[in-house]
mmCIF file of all heavy atoms, coordinates in Angstrom:
data_MODEL
# 
_entry.id   MODEL 
# 
loop_
_atom_site.group_PDB 
_atom_site.id 
_atom_site.type_symbol 
_atom_site.label_atom_id 
_atom_site.label_alt_id 
_atom_site.label_comp_id 
_atom_site.label_asym_id 
_atom_site.label_entity_id 
_atom_site.label_seq_id 
_atom_site.pdbx_PDB_ins_code 
_atom_site.Cartn_x 
_atom_site.Cartn_y 
_atom_site.Cartn_z 
_atom_site.occupancy 
_atom_site.B_iso_or_equiv 
_atom_site.pdbx_formal_charge 
_atom_site.auth_seq_id 
_atom_site.auth_comp_id 
_atom_site.auth_asym_id 
_atom_site.auth_atom_id 
_atom_site.pdbx_PDB_model_num 
ATOM 1   N N   . ARG A 1 1  ? 106.087 32.602 -39.521 1.00 0.00 ? 1  ARG A N   1 
ATOM 2   C CA  . ARG A 1 1  ? 106.440 34.017 -39.658 1.00 0.00 ? 1  ARG A CA  1 
ATOM 3   C C   . ARG A 1 1  ? 106.340 34.659 -38.293 1.00 0.00 ? 1  ARG A C   1 
ATOM 4   O O   . ARG A 1 1  ? 105.481 34.332 -37.479 1.00 0.00 ? 1  ARG A O   1 
ATOM 5   C CB  . ARG A 1 1  ? 105.429 34.721 -40.578 1.00 0.00 ? 1  ARG A CB  1 
ATOM 6   C CG  . ARG A 1 1  ? 105.486 34.288 -42.023 1.00 0.00 ? 1  ARG A CG  1 
ATOM 7   C CD  . ARG A 1 1  ? 104.329 34.949 -42.774 1.00 0.00 ? 1  ARG A CD  1 
ATOM 8   N NE  . ARG A 1 1  ? 104.668 36.325 -43.159 1.00 0.00 ? 1  ARG A NE  1 
ATOM 9   C CZ  . ARG A 1 1  ? 103.774 37.265 -43.414 1.00 0.00 ? 1  ARG A CZ  1 
ATOM 10  N NH1 . ARG A 1 1  ? 102.509 37.010 -43.307 1.00 0.00 ? 1  ARG A NH1 1 
ATOM 11  N NH2 . ARG A 1 1  ? 104.137 38.486 -43.796 1.00 0.00 ? 1  ARG A NH2 1 
ATOM 12  N N   . GLU A 1 2  ? 107.231 35.604 -38.049 1.00 0.00 ? 2  GLU A N   1 
ATOM 13  C CA  . GLU A 1 2  ? 107.172 36.354 -36.795 1.00 0.00 ? 2  GLU A CA  1 
ATOM 14  C C   . GLU A 1 2  ? 107.172 37.821 -37.146 1.00 0.00 ? 2  GLU A C   1 
ATOM 15  O O   . GLU A 1 2  ? 108.029 38.288 -37.959 1.00 0.00 ? 2  GLU A O   1 
ATOM 16  C CB  . GLU A 1 2  ? 108.416 36.058 -35.897 1.00 0.00 ? 2  GLU A CB  1 
ATOM 17  C CG  . GLU A 1 2  ? 108.444 34.679 -35.322 1.00 0.00 ? 2  GLU A CG  1 
ATOM 18  C CD  . GLU A 1 2  ? 107.564 34.574 -34.052 1.00 0.00 ? 2  GLU A CD  1 
ATOM 19  O OE1 . GLU A 1 2  ? 106.871 35.611 -33.710 1.00 0.00 ? 2  GLU A OE1 1 
ATOM 20  O OE2 . GLU A 1 2  ? 107.559 33.523 -33.397 1.00 0.00 ? 2  GLU A OE2 1 
ATOM 21  N N   . ARG A 1 3  ? 106.319 38.586 -36.489 1.00 0.00 ? 3  ARG A N   1 
ATOM 22  C CA  . ARG A 1 3  ? 106.359 40.034 -36.701 1.00 0.00 ? 3  ARG A CA  1 
ATOM 23  C C   . ARG A 1 3  ? 107.221 40.642 -35.606 1.00 0.00 ? 3  ARG A C   1 
ATOM 24  O O   . ARG A 1 3  ? 106.975 40.401 -34.409 1.00 0.00 ? 3  ARG A O   1 
ATOM 25  C CB  . ARG A 1 3  ? 104.959 40.618 -36.662 1.00 0.00 ? 3  ARG A CB  1 
ATOM 26  C CG  . ARG A 1 3  ? 104.934 42.145 -36.946 1.00 0.00 ? 3  ARG A CG  1 
ATOM 27  C CD  . ARG A 1 3  ? 103.535 42.711 -37.090 1.00 0.00 ? 3  ARG A CD  1 
ATOM 28  N NE  . ARG A 1 3  ? 103.596 44.108 -37.457 1.00 0.00 ? 3  ARG A NE  1 
ATOM 29  C CZ  . ARG A 1 3  ? 103.488 45.076 -36.548 1.00 0.00 ? 3  ARG A CZ  1 
ATOM 30  N NH1 . ARG A 1 3  ? 103.342 44.820 -35.266 1.00 0.00 ? 3  ARG A NH1 1 
ATOM 31  N NH2 . ARG A 1 3  ? 103.607 46.359 -36.944 1.00 0.00 ? 3  ARG A NH2 1 
ATOM 32  N N   . ILE A 1 4  ? 108.239 41.399 -36.027 1.00 0.00 ? 4  ILE A N   1 
ATOM 33  C CA  . ILE A 1 4  ? 109.075 42.092 -35.059 1.00 0.00 ? 4  ILE A CA  1 
ATOM 34  C C   . ILE A 1 4  ? 108.548 43.490 -34.899 1.00 0.00 ? 4  ILE A C   1 
ATOM 35  O O   . ILE A 1 4  ? 108.787 44.398 -35.769 1.00 0.00 ? 4  ILE A O   1 
ATOM 36  C CB  . ILE A 1 4  ? 110.553 42.098 -35.564 1.00 0.00 ? 4  ILE A CB  1 
ATOM 37  C CG1 . ILE A 1 4  ? 111.060 40.688 -35.847 1.00 0.00 ? 4  ILE A CG1 1 
ATOM 38  C CG2 . ILE A 1 4  ? 111.439 42.804 -34.544 1.00 0.00 ? 4  ILE A CG2 1 
ATOM 39  C CD1 . ILE A 1 4  ? 111.099 39.727 -34.658 1.00 0.00 ? 4  ILE A CD1 1 
ATOM 40  N N   . SER A 1 5  ? 107.718 43.717 -33.912 1.00 0.00 ? 5  SER A N   1 
ATOM 41  C CA  . SER A 1 5  ? 107.003 45.018 -33.840 1.00 0.00 ? 5  SER A CA  1 
ATOM 42  C C   . SER A 1 5  ? 107.935 46.195 -33.506 1.00 0.00 ? 5  SER A C   1 
ATOM 43  O O   . SER A 1 5  ? 107.861 47.289 -34.072 1.00 0.00 ? 5  SER A O   1 
ATOM 44  C CB  . SER A 1 5  ? 105.834 44.982 -32.837 1.00 0.00 ? 5  SER A CB  1 
ATOM 45  O OG  . SER A 1 5  ? 106.324 44.593 -31.571 1.00 0.00 ? 5  SER A OG  1 
ATOM 46  N N   . ARG A 1 6  ? 108.905 45.913 -32.588 1.00 0.00 ? 6  ARG A N   1 
ATOM 47  C CA  . ARG A 1 6  ? 109.862 46.993 -32.243 1.00 0.00 ? 6  ARG A CA  1 
ATOM 48  C C   . ARG A 1 6  ? 111.238 46.445 -32.094 1.00 0.00 ? 6  ARG A C   1 
ATOM 49  O O   . ARG A 1 6  ? 111.452 45.301 -31.709 1.00 0.00 ? 6  ARG A O   1 
ATOM 50  C CB  . ARG A 1 6  ? 109.417 47.681 -30.928 1.00 0.00 ? 6  ARG A CB  1 
ATOM 51  C CG  . ARG A 1 6  ? 108.184 48.597 -31.129 1.00 0.00 ? 6  ARG A CG  1 
ATOM 52  C CD  . ARG A 1 6  ? 107.871 49.334 -29.896 1.00 0.00 ? 6  ARG A CD  1 
ATOM 53  N NE  . ARG A 1 6  ? 107.490 48.430 -28.794 1.00 0.00 ? 6  ARG A NE  1 
ATOM 54  C CZ  . ARG A 1 6  ? 107.435 48.801 -27.527 1.00 0.00 ? 6  ARG A CZ  1 
ATOM 55  N NH1 . ARG A 1 6  ? 107.800 50.006 -27.168 1.00 0.00 ? 6  ARG A NH1 1 
ATOM 56  N NH2 . ARG A 1 6  ? 107.084 47.951 -26.574 1.00 0.00 ? 6  ARG A NH2 1 
ATOM 57  N N   . ILE A 1 7  ? 112.254 47.273 -32.376 1.00 0.00 ? 7  ILE A N   1 
ATOM 58  C CA  . ILE A 1 7  ? 113.661 46.888 -32.218 1.00 0.00 ? 7  ILE A CA  1 
ATOM 59  C C   . ILE A 1 7  ? 114.338 47.888 -31.292 1.00 0.00 ? 7  ILE A C   1 
ATOM 60  O O   . ILE A 1 7  ? 114.114 49.074 -31.404 1.00 0.00 ? 7  ILE A O   1 
ATOM 61  C CB  . ILE A 1 7  ? 114.387 46.881 -33.582 1.00 0.00 ? 7  ILE A CB  1 
ATOM 62  C CG1 . ILE A 1 7  ? 113.656 46.005 -34.622 1.00 0.00 ? 7  ILE A CG1 1 
ATOM 63  C CG2 . ILE A 1 7  ? 115.845 46.413 -33.425 1.00 0.00 ? 7  ILE A CG2 1 
ATOM 64  C CD1 . ILE A 1 7  ? 114.213 46.093 -36.017 1.00 0.00 ? 7  ILE A CD1 1 
ATOM 65  N N   . PHE A 1 8  ? 115.115 47.360 -30.366 1.00 0.00 ? 8  PHE A N   1 
ATOM 66  C CA  . PHE A 1 8  ? 115.819 48.191 -29.416 1.00 0.00 ? 8  PHE A CA  1 
ATOM 67  C C   . PHE A 1 8  ? 117.300 48.007 -29.515 1.00 0.00 ? 8  PHE A C   1 
ATOM 68  O O   . PHE A 1 8  ? 117.762 46.945 -29.842 1.00 0.00 ? 8  PHE A O   1 
ATOM 69  C CB  . PHE A 1 8  ? 115.390 47.822 -27.997 1.00 0.00 ? 8  PHE A CB  1 
ATOM 70  C CG  . PHE A 1 8  ? 113.976 48.127 -27.664 1.00 0.00 ? 8  PHE A CG  1 
ATOM 71  C CD1 . PHE A 1 8  ? 113.085 47.106 -27.428 1.00 0.00 ? 8  PHE A CD1 1 
ATOM 72  C CD2 . PHE A 1 8  ? 113.518 49.447 -27.603 1.00 0.00 ? 8  PHE A CD2 1 
ATOM 73  C CE1 . PHE A 1 8  ? 111.765 47.361 -27.077 1.00 0.00 ? 8  PHE A CE1 1 
ATOM 74  C CE2 . PHE A 1 8  ? 112.166 49.721 -27.291 1.00 0.00 ? 8  PHE A CE2 1 
ATOM 75  C CZ  . PHE A 1 8  ? 111.306 48.669 -27.024 1.00 0.00 ? 8  PHE A CZ  1 
ATOM 76  N N   . GLN A 1 9  ? 118.011 49.114 -29.216 1.00 0.00 ? 9  GLN A N   1 
ATOM 77  C CA  . GLN A 1 9  ? 119.434 48.954 -28.935 1.00 0.00 ? 9  GLN A CA  1 
ATOM 78  C C   . GLN A 1 9  ? 119.531 48.846 -27.409 1.00 0.00 ? 9  GLN A C   1 
ATOM 79  O O   . GLN A 1 9  ? 118.896 49.638 -26.709 1.00 0.00 ? 9  GLN A O   1 
ATOM 80  C CB  . GLN A 1 9  ? 120.167 50.208 -29.432 1.00 0.00 ? 9  GLN A CB  1 
ATOM 81  C CG  . GLN A 1 9  ? 121.593 49.929 -29.580 1.00 0.00 ? 9  GLN A CG  1 
ATOM 82  C CD  . GLN A 1 9  ? 122.102 50.508 -30.891 1.00 0.00 ? 9  GLN A CD  1 
ATOM 83  O OE1 . GLN A 1 9  ? 121.978 51.658 -31.128 1.00 0.00 ? 9  GLN A OE1 1 
ATOM 84  N NE2 . GLN A 1 9  ? 122.760 49.668 -31.691 1.00 0.00 ? 9  GLN A NE2 1 
ATOM 85  N N   . MET A 1 10 ? 120.271 47.872 -26.893 1.00 0.00 ? 10 MET A N   1 
ATOM 86  C CA  . MET A 1 10 ? 120.250 47.670 -25.463 1.00 0.00 ? 10 MET A CA  1 
ATOM 87  C C   . MET A 1 10 ? 121.288 48.470 -24.718 1.00 0.00 ? 10 MET A C   1 
ATOM 88  O O   . MET A 1 10 ? 122.421 48.610 -25.204 1.00 0.00 ? 10 MET A O   1 
ATOM 89  C CB  . MET A 1 10 ? 120.482 46.164 -25.206 1.00 0.00 ? 10 MET A CB  1 
ATOM 90  C CG  . MET A 1 10 ? 119.350 45.297 -25.670 1.00 0.00 ? 10 MET A CG  1 
ATOM 91  S SD  . MET A 1 10 ? 117.738 45.780 -25.008 1.00 0.00 ? 10 MET A SD  1 
ATOM 92  C CE  . MET A 1 10 ? 117.967 45.450 -23.285 1.00 0.00 ? 10 MET A CE  1 
ATOM 93  N N   . HIS A 1 11 ? 120.926 48.962 -23.583 1.00 0.00 ? 11 HIS A N   1 
ATOM 94  C CA  . HIS A 1 11 ? 121.872 49.560 -22.656 1.00 0.00 ? 11 HIS A CA  1 
ATOM 95  C C   . HIS A 1 11 ? 121.629 48.989 -21.295 1.00 0.00 ? 11 HIS A C   1 
ATOM 96  O O   . HIS A 1 11 ? 120.826 49.498 -20.523 1.00 0.00 ? 11 HIS A O   1 
ATOM 97  C CB  . HIS A 1 11 ? 121.745 51.102 -22.646 1.00 0.00 ? 11 HIS A CB  1 
ATOM 98  C CG  . HIS A 1 11 ? 122.795 51.767 -21.849 1.00 0.00 ? 11 HIS A CG  1 
ATOM 99  N ND1 . HIS A 1 11 ? 124.138 51.581 -22.093 1.00 0.00 ? 11 HIS A ND1 1 
ATOM 100 C CD2 . HIS A 1 11 ? 122.718 52.547 -20.767 1.00 0.00 ? 11 HIS A CD2 1 
ATOM 101 C CE1 . HIS A 1 11 ? 124.839 52.271 -21.171 1.00 0.00 ? 11 HIS A CE1 1 
ATOM 102 N NE2 . HIS A 1 11 ? 124.007 52.850 -20.370 1.00 0.00 ? 11 HIS A NE2 1 
ATOM 103 N N   . ALA A 1 12 ? 122.244 47.807 -21.030 1.00 0.00 ? 12 ALA A N   1 
ATOM 104 C CA  . ALA A 1 12 ? 121.922 46.980 -19.822 1.00 0.00 ? 12 ALA A CA  1 
ATOM 105 C C   . ALA A 1 12 ? 120.452 46.700 -19.820 1.00 0.00 ? 12 ALA A C   1 
ATOM 106 O O   . ALA A 1 12 ? 119.903 46.073 -20.759 1.00 0.00 ? 12 ALA A O   1 
ATOM 107 C CB  . ALA A 1 12 ? 122.429 47.648 -18.598 1.00 0.00 ? 12 ALA A CB  1 
ATOM 108 N N   . ASN A 1 13 ? 119.673 47.186 -18.797 1.00 0.00 ? 13 ASN A N   1 
ATOM 109 C CA  . ASN A 1 13 ? 118.260 46.838 -18.769 1.00 0.00 ? 13 ASN A CA  1 
ATOM 110 C C   . ASN A 1 13 ? 117.392 47.989 -19.300 1.00 0.00 ? 13 ASN A C   1 
ATOM 111 O O   . ASN A 1 13 ? 116.218 48.034 -19.095 1.00 0.00 ? 13 ASN A O   1 
ATOM 112 C CB  . ASN A 1 13 ? 117.823 46.447 -17.359 1.00 0.00 ? 13 ASN A CB  1 
ATOM 113 C CG  . ASN A 1 13 ? 117.966 47.590 -16.372 1.00 0.00 ? 13 ASN A CG  1 
ATOM 114 O OD1 . ASN A 1 13 ? 118.850 48.437 -16.582 1.00 0.00 ? 13 ASN A OD1 1 
ATOM 115 N ND2 . ASN A 1 13 ? 117.223 47.580 -15.311 1.00 0.00 ? 13 ASN A ND2 1 
ATOM 116 N N   . LYS A 1 14 ? 118.036 48.973 -19.934 1.00 0.00 ? 14 LYS A N   1 
ATOM 117 C CA  . LYS A 1 14 ? 117.263 50.066 -20.547 1.00 0.00 ? 14 LYS A CA  1 
ATOM 118 C C   . LYS A 1 14 ? 117.284 49.900 -22.049 1.00 0.00 ? 14 LYS A C   1 
ATOM 119 O O   . LYS A 1 14 ? 118.277 49.393 -22.604 1.00 0.00 ? 14 LYS A O   1 
ATOM 120 C CB  . LYS A 1 14 ? 117.852 51.435 -20.191 1.00 0.00 ? 14 LYS A CB  1 
ATOM 121 C CG  . LYS A 1 14 ? 117.862 51.713 -18.704 1.00 0.00 ? 14 LYS A CG  1 
ATOM 122 C CD  . LYS A 1 14 ? 118.478 53.073 -18.407 1.00 0.00 ? 14 LYS A CD  1 
ATOM 123 C CE  . LYS A 1 14 ? 118.533 53.317 -16.883 1.00 0.00 ? 14 LYS A CE  1 
ATOM 124 N NZ  . LYS A 1 14 ? 119.467 52.397 -16.214 1.00 0.00 ? 14 LYS A NZ  1 
ATOM 125 N N   . GLN A 1 15 ? 116.184 50.256 -22.713 1.00 0.00 ? 15 GLN A N   1 
ATOM 126 C CA  . GLN A 1 15 ? 116.143 50.076 -24.163 1.00 0.00 ? 15 GLN A CA  1 
ATOM 127 C C   . GLN A 1 15 ? 116.049 51.436 -24.866 1.00 0.00 ? 15 GLN A C   1 
ATOM 128 O O   . GLN A 1 15 ? 115.322 52.297 -24.421 1.00 0.00 ? 15 GLN A O   1 
ATOM 129 C CB  . GLN A 1 15 ? 114.940 49.222 -24.546 1.00 0.00 ? 15 GLN A CB  1 
ATOM 130 C CG  . GLN A 1 15 ? 114.901 47.838 -23.963 1.00 0.00 ? 15 GLN A CG  1 
ATOM 131 C CD  . GLN A 1 15 ? 114.148 47.834 -22.635 1.00 0.00 ? 15 GLN A CD  1 
ATOM 132 O OE1 . GLN A 1 15 ? 113.412 48.796 -22.296 1.00 0.00 ? 15 GLN A OE1 1 
ATOM 133 N NE2 . GLN A 1 15 ? 114.330 46.769 -21.882 1.00 0.00 ? 15 GLN A NE2 1 
ATOM 134 N N   . GLU A 1 16 ? 116.781 51.536 -25.971 1.00 0.00 ? 16 GLU A N   1 
ATOM 135 C CA  . GLU A 1 16 ? 116.628 52.728 -26.806 1.00 0.00 ? 16 GLU A CA  1 
ATOM 136 C C   . GLU A 1 16 ? 115.997 52.297 -28.128 1.00 0.00 ? 16 GLU A C   1 
ATOM 137 O O   . GLU A 1 16 ? 116.654 51.480 -28.856 1.00 0.00 ? 16 GLU A O   1 
ATOM 138 C CB  . GLU A 1 16 ? 117.987 53.382 -27.058 1.00 0.00 ? 16 GLU A CB  1 
ATOM 139 C CG  . GLU A 1 16 ? 118.579 53.932 -25.769 1.00 0.00 ? 16 GLU A CG  1 
ATOM 140 C CD  . GLU A 1 16 ? 120.056 54.263 -25.919 1.00 0.00 ? 16 GLU A CD  1 
ATOM 141 O OE1 . GLU A 1 16 ? 120.573 54.348 -27.036 1.00 0.00 ? 16 GLU A OE1 1 
ATOM 142 O OE2 . GLU A 1 16 ? 120.756 54.426 -24.847 1.00 0.00 ? 16 GLU A OE2 1 
ATOM 143 N N   . PRO A 1 17 ? 114.730 52.686 -28.463 1.00 0.00 ? 17 PRO A N   1 
ATOM 144 C CA  . PRO A 1 17 ? 114.077 52.172 -29.667 1.00 0.00 ? 17 PRO A CA  1 
ATOM 145 C C   . PRO A 1 17 ? 114.866 52.671 -30.883 1.00 0.00 ? 17 PRO A C   1 
ATOM 146 O O   . PRO A 1 17 ? 115.315 53.818 -30.963 1.00 0.00 ? 17 PRO A O   1 
ATOM 147 C CB  . PRO A 1 17 ? 112.676 52.776 -29.613 1.00 0.00 ? 17 PRO A CB  1 
ATOM 148 C CG  . PRO A 1 17 ? 112.588 53.531 -28.352 1.00 0.00 ? 17 PRO A CG  1 
ATOM 149 C CD  . PRO A 1 17 ? 113.917 53.609 -27.677 1.00 0.00 ? 17 PRO A CD  1 
ATOM 150 N N   . ILE A 1 18 ? 115.027 51.781 -31.897 1.00 0.00 ? 18 ILE A N   1 
ATOM 151 C CA  . ILE A 1 18 ? 115.653 52.174 -33.174 1.00 0.00 ? 18 ILE A CA  1 
ATOM 152 C C   . ILE A 1 18 ? 114.715 51.735 -34.279 1.00 0.00 ? 18 ILE A C   1 
ATOM 153 O O   . ILE A 1 18 ? 113.901 50.803 -34.090 1.00 0.00 ? 18 ILE A O   1 
ATOM 154 C CB  . ILE A 1 18 ? 117.063 51.555 -33.373 1.00 0.00 ? 18 ILE A CB  1 
ATOM 155 C CG1 . ILE A 1 18 ? 117.070 50.061 -33.068 1.00 0.00 ? 18 ILE A CG1 1 
ATOM 156 C CG2 . ILE A 1 18 ? 118.077 52.254 -32.487 1.00 0.00 ? 18 ILE A CG2 1 
ATOM 157 C CD1 . ILE A 1 18 ? 118.407 49.389 -33.313 1.00 0.00 ? 18 ILE A CD1 1 
ATOM 158 N N   . GLU A 1 19 ? 114.798 52.374 -35.431 1.00 0.00 ? 19 GLU A N   1 
ATOM 159 C CA  . GLU A 1 19 ? 113.833 52.078 -36.514 1.00 0.00 ? 19 GLU A CA  1 
ATOM 160 C C   . GLU A 1 19 ? 114.215 50.837 -37.316 1.00 0.00 ? 19 GLU A C   1 
ATOM 161 O O   . GLU A 1 19 ? 113.326 50.174 -37.853 1.00 0.00 ? 19 GLU A O   1 
ATOM 162 C CB  . GLU A 1 19 ? 113.746 53.289 -37.444 1.00 0.00 ? 19 GLU A CB  1 
ATOM 163 C CG  . GLU A 1 19 ? 112.947 54.426 -36.799 1.00 0.00 ? 19 GLU A CG  1 
ATOM 164 C CD  . GLU A 1 19 ? 113.063 55.714 -37.635 1.00 0.00 ? 19 GLU A CD  1 
ATOM 165 O OE1 . GLU A 1 19 ? 113.304 55.627 -38.870 1.00 0.00 ? 19 GLU A OE1 1 
ATOM 166 O OE2 . GLU A 1 19 ? 112.888 56.785 -37.036 1.00 0.00 ? 19 GLU A OE2 1 
ATOM 167 N N   . TYR A 1 20 ? 115.496 50.516 -37.380 1.00 0.00 ? 20 TYR A N   1 
ATOM 168 C CA  . TYR A 1 20 ? 115.922 49.362 -38.140 1.00 0.00 ? 20 TYR A CA  1 
ATOM 169 C C   . TYR A 1 20 ? 117.262 48.867 -37.599 1.00 0.00 ? 20 TYR A C   1 
ATOM 170 O O   . TYR A 1 20 ? 117.933 49.526 -36.853 1.00 0.00 ? 20 TYR A O   1 
ATOM 171 C CB  . TYR A 1 20 ? 116.035 49.675 -39.619 1.00 0.00 ? 20 TYR A CB  1 
ATOM 172 C CG  . TYR A 1 20 ? 117.113 50.740 -39.929 1.00 0.00 ? 20 TYR A CG  1 
ATOM 173 C CD1 . TYR A 1 20 ? 118.430 50.384 -40.145 1.00 0.00 ? 20 TYR A CD1 1 
ATOM 174 C CD2 . TYR A 1 20 ? 116.755 52.097 -39.987 1.00 0.00 ? 20 TYR A CD2 1 
ATOM 175 C CE1 . TYR A 1 20 ? 119.408 51.346 -40.379 1.00 0.00 ? 20 TYR A CE1 1 
ATOM 176 C CE2 . TYR A 1 20 ? 117.717 53.073 -40.212 1.00 0.00 ? 20 TYR A CE2 1 
ATOM 177 C CZ  . TYR A 1 20 ? 119.010 52.676 -40.419 1.00 0.00 ? 20 TYR A CZ  1 
ATOM 178 O OH  . TYR A 1 20 ? 119.977 53.654 -40.622 1.00 0.00 ? 20 TYR A OH  1 
ATOM 179 N N   . ILE A 1 21 ? 117.615 47.651 -37.994 1.00 0.00 ? 21 ILE A N   1 
ATOM 180 C CA  . ILE A 1 21 ? 118.920 47.126 -37.631 1.00 0.00 ? 21 ILE A CA  1 
ATOM 181 C C   . ILE A 1 21 ? 119.527 46.570 -38.884 1.00 0.00 ? 21 ILE A C   1 
ATOM 182 O O   . ILE A 1 21 ? 118.897 46.070 -39.797 1.00 0.00 ? 21 ILE A O   1 
ATOM 183 C CB  . ILE A 1 21 ? 118.749 46.054 -36.508 1.00 0.00 ? 21 ILE A CB  1 
ATOM 184 C CG1 . ILE A 1 21 ? 120.141 45.716 -35.908 1.00 0.00 ? 21 ILE A CG1 1 
ATOM 185 C CG2 . ILE A 1 21 ? 118.088 44.802 -37.001 1.00 0.00 ? 21 ILE A CG2 1 
ATOM 186 C CD1 . ILE A 1 21 ? 120.034 45.047 -34.568 1.00 0.00 ? 21 ILE A CD1 1 
ATOM 187 N N   . GLU A 1 22 ? 120.898 46.684 -38.980 1.00 0.00 ? 22 GLU A N   1 
ATOM 188 C CA  . GLU A 1 22 ? 121.605 46.246 -40.197 1.00 0.00 ? 22 GLU A CA  1 
ATOM 189 C C   . GLU A 1 22 ? 122.639 45.212 -39.877 1.00 0.00 ? 22 GLU A C   1 
ATOM 190 O O   . GLU A 1 22 ? 123.017 45.027 -38.699 1.00 0.00 ? 22 GLU A O   1 
ATOM 191 C CB  . GLU A 1 22 ? 122.244 47.464 -40.884 1.00 0.00 ? 22 GLU A CB  1 
ATOM 192 C CG  . GLU A 1 22 ? 121.239 48.418 -41.482 1.00 0.00 ? 22 GLU A CG  1 
ATOM 193 C CD  . GLU A 1 22 ? 121.865 49.551 -42.282 1.00 0.00 ? 22 GLU A CD  1 
ATOM 194 O OE1 . GLU A 1 22 ? 123.057 49.880 -42.029 1.00 0.00 ? 22 GLU A OE1 1 
ATOM 195 O OE2 . GLU A 1 22 ? 121.158 50.088 -43.110 1.00 0.00 ? 22 GLU A OE2 1 
ATOM 196 N N   . ALA A 1 23 ? 123.153 44.609 -40.970 1.00 0.00 ? 23 ALA A N   1 
ATOM 197 C CA  . ALA A 1 23 ? 124.198 43.611 -40.845 1.00 0.00 ? 23 ALA A CA  1 
ATOM 198 C C   . ALA A 1 23 ? 125.309 44.019 -39.853 1.00 0.00 ? 23 ALA A C   1 
ATOM 199 O O   . ALA A 1 23 ? 125.749 45.188 -39.896 1.00 0.00 ? 23 ALA A O   1 
ATOM 200 C CB  . ALA A 1 23 ? 124.861 43.382 -42.227 1.00 0.00 ? 23 ALA A CB  1 
ATOM 201 N N   . GLY A 1 24 ? 125.754 43.099 -39.038 1.00 0.00 ? 24 GLY A N   1 
ATOM 202 C CA  . GLY A 1 24 ? 126.841 43.402 -38.145 1.00 0.00 ? 24 GLY A CA  1 
ATOM 203 C C   . GLY A 1 24 ? 126.492 43.973 -36.800 1.00 0.00 ? 24 GLY A C   1 
ATOM 204 O O   . GLY A 1 24 ? 127.282 44.100 -35.890 1.00 0.00 ? 24 GLY A O   1 
ATOM 205 N N   . ASP A 1 25 ? 125.194 44.308 -36.579 1.00 0.00 ? 25 ASP A N   1 
ATOM 206 C CA  . ASP A 1 25 ? 124.802 44.925 -35.344 1.00 0.00 ? 25 ASP A CA  1 
ATOM 207 C C   . ASP A 1 25 ? 124.089 43.930 -34.401 1.00 0.00 ? 25 ASP A C   1 
ATOM 208 O O   . ASP A 1 25 ? 123.653 42.881 -34.810 1.00 0.00 ? 25 ASP A O   1 
ATOM 209 C CB  . ASP A 1 25 ? 123.865 46.103 -35.618 1.00 0.00 ? 25 ASP A CB  1 
ATOM 210 C CG  . ASP A 1 25 ? 124.158 47.306 -34.741 1.00 0.00 ? 25 ASP A CG  1 
ATOM 211 O OD1 . ASP A 1 25 ? 124.833 47.037 -33.680 1.00 0.00 ? 25 ASP A OD1 1 
ATOM 212 O OD2 . ASP A 1 25 ? 123.799 48.432 -35.062 1.00 0.00 ? 25 ASP A OD2 1 
ATOM 213 N N   . ILE A 1 26 ? 123.998 44.295 -33.133 1.00 0.00 ? 26 ILE A N   1 
ATOM 214 C CA  . ILE A 1 26 ? 123.301 43.493 -32.140 1.00 0.00 ? 26 ILE A CA  1 
ATOM 215 C C   . ILE A 1 26 ? 122.174 44.296 -31.599 1.00 0.00 ? 26 ILE A C   1 
ATOM 216 O O   . ILE A 1 26 ? 122.333 45.471 -31.219 1.00 0.00 ? 26 ILE A O   1 
ATOM 217 C CB  . ILE A 1 26 ? 124.319 43.079 -31.017 1.00 0.00 ? 26 ILE A CB  1 
ATOM 218 C CG1 . ILE A 1 26 ? 125.356 42.066 -31.560 1.00 0.00 ? 26 ILE A CG1 1 
ATOM 219 C CG2 . ILE A 1 26 ? 123.593 42.488 -29.831 1.00 0.00 ? 26 ILE A CG2 1 
ATOM 220 C CD1 . ILE A 1 26 ? 126.413 41.665 -30.566 1.00 0.00 ? 26 ILE A CD1 1 
# 
């Protein structure tokens, strides 16, 4: 099991935190 503590949407080397990710996204 792996805990995914945070998820980011990437903008090159900057990250924008998002609360969840859904099918079809990166």
